[in-house]
Amino acid sequence: MADQLSVKQRMAQGGLVRPRSGRILAGVLVGLANRFGMRPAFARLLFVLSMLLPGPQILLYIALWILMPSE
């Protein structure tokens, strides 16, 4: 449990948080967009397009939902 808290603290220190405003589902994509200087709509578009490719996109989204702290 302590490892999970430290991961959340490190994410928050790095500016990777799920904002309270602008969320559609959990705010993961908005948080990523804010952290990397993108528009949220562009991050959402990239995620939807990535769903056309095989891979663990949904699992990554769920993991970030759990690990990213909320504002």
N, C-alpha and C. Protein backbone atom coordinates (compact mmCIF):
# COMPACT_ATOMS: atom_id res chain seq x y z
N MET A 1 0.82 -1.19 0.00
CA MET A 1 0.00 0.00 0.00
C MET A 1 0.86 1.25 0.00
N ALA A 2 2.00 1.19 0.70
CA ALA A 2 2.89 2.35 0.74
C ALA A 2 3.48 2.65 -0.64
N ASP A 3 3.74 1.59 -1.44
CA ASP A 3 4.27 1.81 -2.78
C ASP A 3 3.25 2.53 -3.65
N GLN A 4 2.00 2.18 -3.49
CA GLN A 4 0.96 2.80 -4.29
C GLN A 4 0.83 4.29 -3.94
N LEU A 5 0.93 4.62 -2.68
CA LEU A 5 0.86 6.02 -2.28
C LEU A 5 2.05 6.79 -2.81
N SER A 6 3.22 6.19 -2.79
CA SER A 6 4.40 6.91 -3.27
C SER A 6 4.32 7.14 -4.78
N VAL A 7 3.72 6.21 -5.50
CA VAL A 7 3.54 6.39 -6.95
C VAL A 7 2.62 7.58 -7.20
N LYS A 8 1.53 7.65 -6.43
CA LYS A 8 0.59 8.77 -6.59
C LYS A 8 1.25 10.09 -6.23
N GLN A 9 2.07 10.09 -5.19
CA GLN A 9 2.77 11.31 -4.80
C GLN A 9 3.75 11.75 -5.88
N ARG A 10 4.47 10.78 -6.46
CA ARG A 10 5.42 11.13 -7.52
C ARG A 10 4.70 11.66 -8.75
N MET A 11 3.56 11.09 -9.08
CA MET A 11 2.78 11.58 -10.22
C MET A 11 2.30 13.00 -9.96
N ALA A 12 1.82 13.26 -8.76
CA ALA A 12 1.33 14.60 -8.41
C ALA A 12 2.46 15.61 -8.45
N GLN A 13 3.63 15.23 -7.99
CA GLN A 13 4.78 16.14 -8.02
C GLN A 13 5.20 16.45 -9.45
N GLY A 14 5.04 15.49 -10.35
CA GLY A 14 5.39 15.68 -11.75
C GLY A 14 4.30 16.38 -12.55
N GLY A 15 3.20 16.74 -11.90
CA GLY A 15 2.13 17.44 -12.60
C GLY A 15 1.15 16.53 -13.30
N LEU A 16 1.20 15.24 -13.00
CA LEU A 16 0.31 14.28 -13.65
C LEU A 16 -0.84 13.97 -12.70
N VAL A 17 -1.91 14.75 -12.82
CA VAL A 17 -3.10 14.58 -11.98
C VAL A 17 -4.35 14.61 -12.85
N ARG A 18 -5.42 14.02 -12.32
CA ARG A 18 -6.71 14.05 -13.01
C ARG A 18 -7.47 15.28 -12.53
N PRO A 19 -7.65 16.28 -13.39
CA PRO A 19 -8.34 17.50 -12.96
C PRO A 19 -9.81 17.24 -12.66
N ARG A 20 -10.38 18.08 -11.83
CA ARG A 20 -11.80 17.94 -11.48
C ARG A 20 -12.71 18.46 -12.59
N SER A 21 -12.23 19.38 -13.40
CA SER A 21 -13.05 19.93 -14.47
C SER A 21 -12.59 19.39 -15.82
N GLY A 22 -13.53 19.26 -16.74
CA GLY A 22 -13.21 18.81 -18.09
C GLY A 22 -13.18 17.31 -18.25
N ARG A 23 -13.56 16.58 -17.23
CA ARG A 23 -13.56 15.12 -17.32
C ARG A 23 -14.71 14.63 -18.19
N ILE A 24 -14.46 13.53 -18.88
CA ILE A 24 -15.55 12.85 -19.58
C ILE A 24 -15.82 11.52 -18.86
N LEU A 25 -14.79 10.75 -18.61
CA LEU A 25 -14.97 9.51 -17.87
C LEU A 25 -14.26 9.62 -16.52
N ALA A 26 -12.93 9.59 -16.55
CA ALA A 26 -12.18 9.66 -15.29
C ALA A 26 -11.21 10.83 -15.25
N GLY A 27 -11.00 11.47 -16.37
CA GLY A 27 -10.08 12.59 -16.41
C GLY A 27 -8.65 12.21 -16.74
N VAL A 28 -8.42 10.96 -17.08
CA VAL A 28 -7.07 10.50 -17.38
C VAL A 28 -6.50 11.21 -18.60
N LEU A 29 -7.28 11.28 -19.66
CA LEU A 29 -6.78 11.90 -20.89
C LEU A 29 -6.60 13.40 -20.74
N VAL A 30 -7.46 14.04 -19.97
CA VAL A 30 -7.30 15.48 -19.71
C VAL A 30 -6.03 15.71 -18.91
N GLY A 31 -5.78 14.86 -17.92
CA GLY A 31 -4.56 14.97 -17.12
C GLY A 31 -3.31 14.77 -17.95
N LEU A 32 -3.33 13.79 -18.83
CA LEU A 32 -2.18 13.56 -19.73
C LEU A 32 -1.99 14.74 -20.67
N ALA A 33 -3.08 15.25 -21.22
CA ALA A 33 -3.00 16.39 -22.13
C ALA A 33 -2.42 17.61 -21.42
N ASN A 34 -2.89 17.88 -20.22
CA ASN A 34 -2.36 19.02 -19.46
C ASN A 34 -0.89 18.85 -19.16
N ARG A 35 -0.48 17.65 -18.79
CA ARG A 35 0.92 17.39 -18.43
C ARG A 35 1.85 17.58 -19.61
N PHE A 36 1.41 17.16 -20.79
CA PHE A 36 2.28 17.20 -21.97
C PHE A 36 1.97 18.36 -22.91
N GLY A 37 1.15 19.31 -22.47
CA GLY A 37 0.91 20.53 -23.23
C GLY A 37 0.08 20.35 -24.49
N MET A 38 -0.85 19.41 -24.46
CA MET A 38 -1.73 19.18 -25.60
C MET A 38 -3.13 19.64 -25.26
N ARG A 39 -3.95 19.78 -26.27
CA ARG A 39 -5.36 20.06 -26.04
C ARG A 39 -6.05 18.74 -25.68
N PRO A 40 -6.98 18.75 -24.73
CA PRO A 40 -7.68 17.51 -24.36
C PRO A 40 -8.37 16.82 -25.52
N ALA A 41 -8.94 17.58 -26.44
CA ALA A 41 -9.62 16.97 -27.60
C ALA A 41 -8.63 16.18 -28.45
N PHE A 42 -7.40 16.68 -28.58
CA PHE A 42 -6.39 15.97 -29.36
C PHE A 42 -5.99 14.68 -28.66
N ALA A 43 -5.84 14.72 -27.34
CA ALA A 43 -5.49 13.51 -26.58
C ALA A 43 -6.60 12.46 -26.71
N ARG A 44 -7.83 12.90 -26.65
CA ARG A 44 -8.97 11.98 -26.81
C ARG A 44 -8.99 11.37 -28.20
N LEU A 45 -8.73 12.20 -29.21
CA LEU A 45 -8.69 11.70 -30.58
C LEU A 45 -7.58 10.66 -30.75
N LEU A 46 -6.41 10.94 -30.20
CA LEU A 46 -5.31 9.97 -30.28
C LEU A 46 -5.68 8.65 -29.60
N PHE A 47 -6.35 8.74 -28.46
CA PHE A 47 -6.75 7.53 -27.76
C PHE A 47 -7.75 6.73 -28.58
N VAL A 48 -8.74 7.40 -29.15
CA VAL A 48 -9.74 6.70 -29.96
C VAL A 48 -9.07 6.06 -31.18
N LEU A 49 -8.17 6.77 -31.82
CA LEU A 49 -7.46 6.20 -32.97
C LEU A 49 -6.58 5.03 -32.55
N SER A 50 -5.99 5.10 -31.36
CA SER A 50 -5.14 4.00 -30.90
C SER A 50 -5.97 2.74 -30.64
N MET A 51 -7.26 2.90 -30.41
CA MET A 51 -8.12 1.74 -30.19
C MET A 51 -8.27 0.89 -31.46
N LEU A 52 -7.93 1.46 -32.61
CA LEU A 52 -7.98 0.71 -33.86
C LEU A 52 -6.82 -0.27 -33.98
N LEU A 53 -5.78 -0.06 -33.18
CA LEU A 53 -4.61 -0.92 -33.18
C LEU A 53 -4.71 -1.93 -32.04
N PRO A 54 -4.14 -3.12 -32.24
CA PRO A 54 -4.15 -4.08 -31.13
C PRO A 54 -3.20 -3.61 -30.04
N GLY A 55 -3.59 -3.86 -28.81
CA GLY A 55 -2.74 -3.48 -27.69
C GLY A 55 -3.52 -3.30 -26.41
N PRO A 56 -2.82 -3.00 -25.34
CA PRO A 56 -3.45 -2.92 -24.02
C PRO A 56 -3.93 -1.51 -23.65
N GLN A 57 -4.50 -0.77 -24.58
CA GLN A 57 -4.90 0.60 -24.32
C GLN A 57 -5.89 0.71 -23.16
N ILE A 58 -6.88 -0.12 -23.14
CA ILE A 58 -7.90 -0.07 -22.09
C ILE A 58 -7.28 -0.39 -20.74
N LEU A 59 -6.41 -1.39 -20.70
CA LEU A 59 -5.74 -1.74 -19.44
C LEU A 59 -4.86 -0.60 -18.94
N LEU A 60 -4.19 0.07 -19.85
CA LEU A 60 -3.36 1.22 -19.47
C LEU A 60 -4.22 2.35 -18.94
N TYR A 61 -5.35 2.59 -19.58
CA TYR A 61 -6.28 3.64 -19.12
C TYR A 61 -6.76 3.33 -17.71
N ILE A 62 -7.15 2.08 -17.46
CA ILE A 62 -7.64 1.68 -16.13
C ILE A 62 -6.53 1.81 -15.09
N ALA A 63 -5.31 1.41 -15.45
CA ALA A 63 -4.19 1.53 -14.52
C ALA A 63 -3.91 2.99 -14.18
N LEU A 64 -3.96 3.86 -15.19
CA LEU A 64 -3.75 5.28 -14.92
C LEU A 64 -4.90 5.87 -14.10
N TRP A 65 -6.10 5.39 -14.31
CA TRP A 65 -7.25 5.84 -13.54
C TRP A 65 -7.03 5.54 -12.05
N ILE A 66 -6.47 4.36 -11.78
CA ILE A 66 -6.20 3.95 -10.40
C ILE A 66 -5.01 4.70 -9.82
N LEU A 67 -3.95 4.87 -10.61
CA LEU A 67 -2.70 5.43 -10.10
C LEU A 67 -2.64 6.95 -10.08
N MET A 68 -3.28 7.61 -11.04
CA MET A 68 -3.21 9.08 -11.10
C MET A 68 -4.07 9.69 -10.00
N PRO A 69 -3.48 10.56 -9.19
CA PRO A 69 -4.28 11.20 -8.14
C PRO A 69 -5.21 12.26 -8.74
N SER A 70 -6.34 12.43 -8.08
CA SER A 70 -7.28 13.47 -8.46
C SER A 70 -6.84 14.79 -7.84
N GLU A 71 -7.16 15.90 -8.51
CA GLU A 71 -6.79 17.22 -7.98
C GLU A 71 -7.46 17.46 -6.64
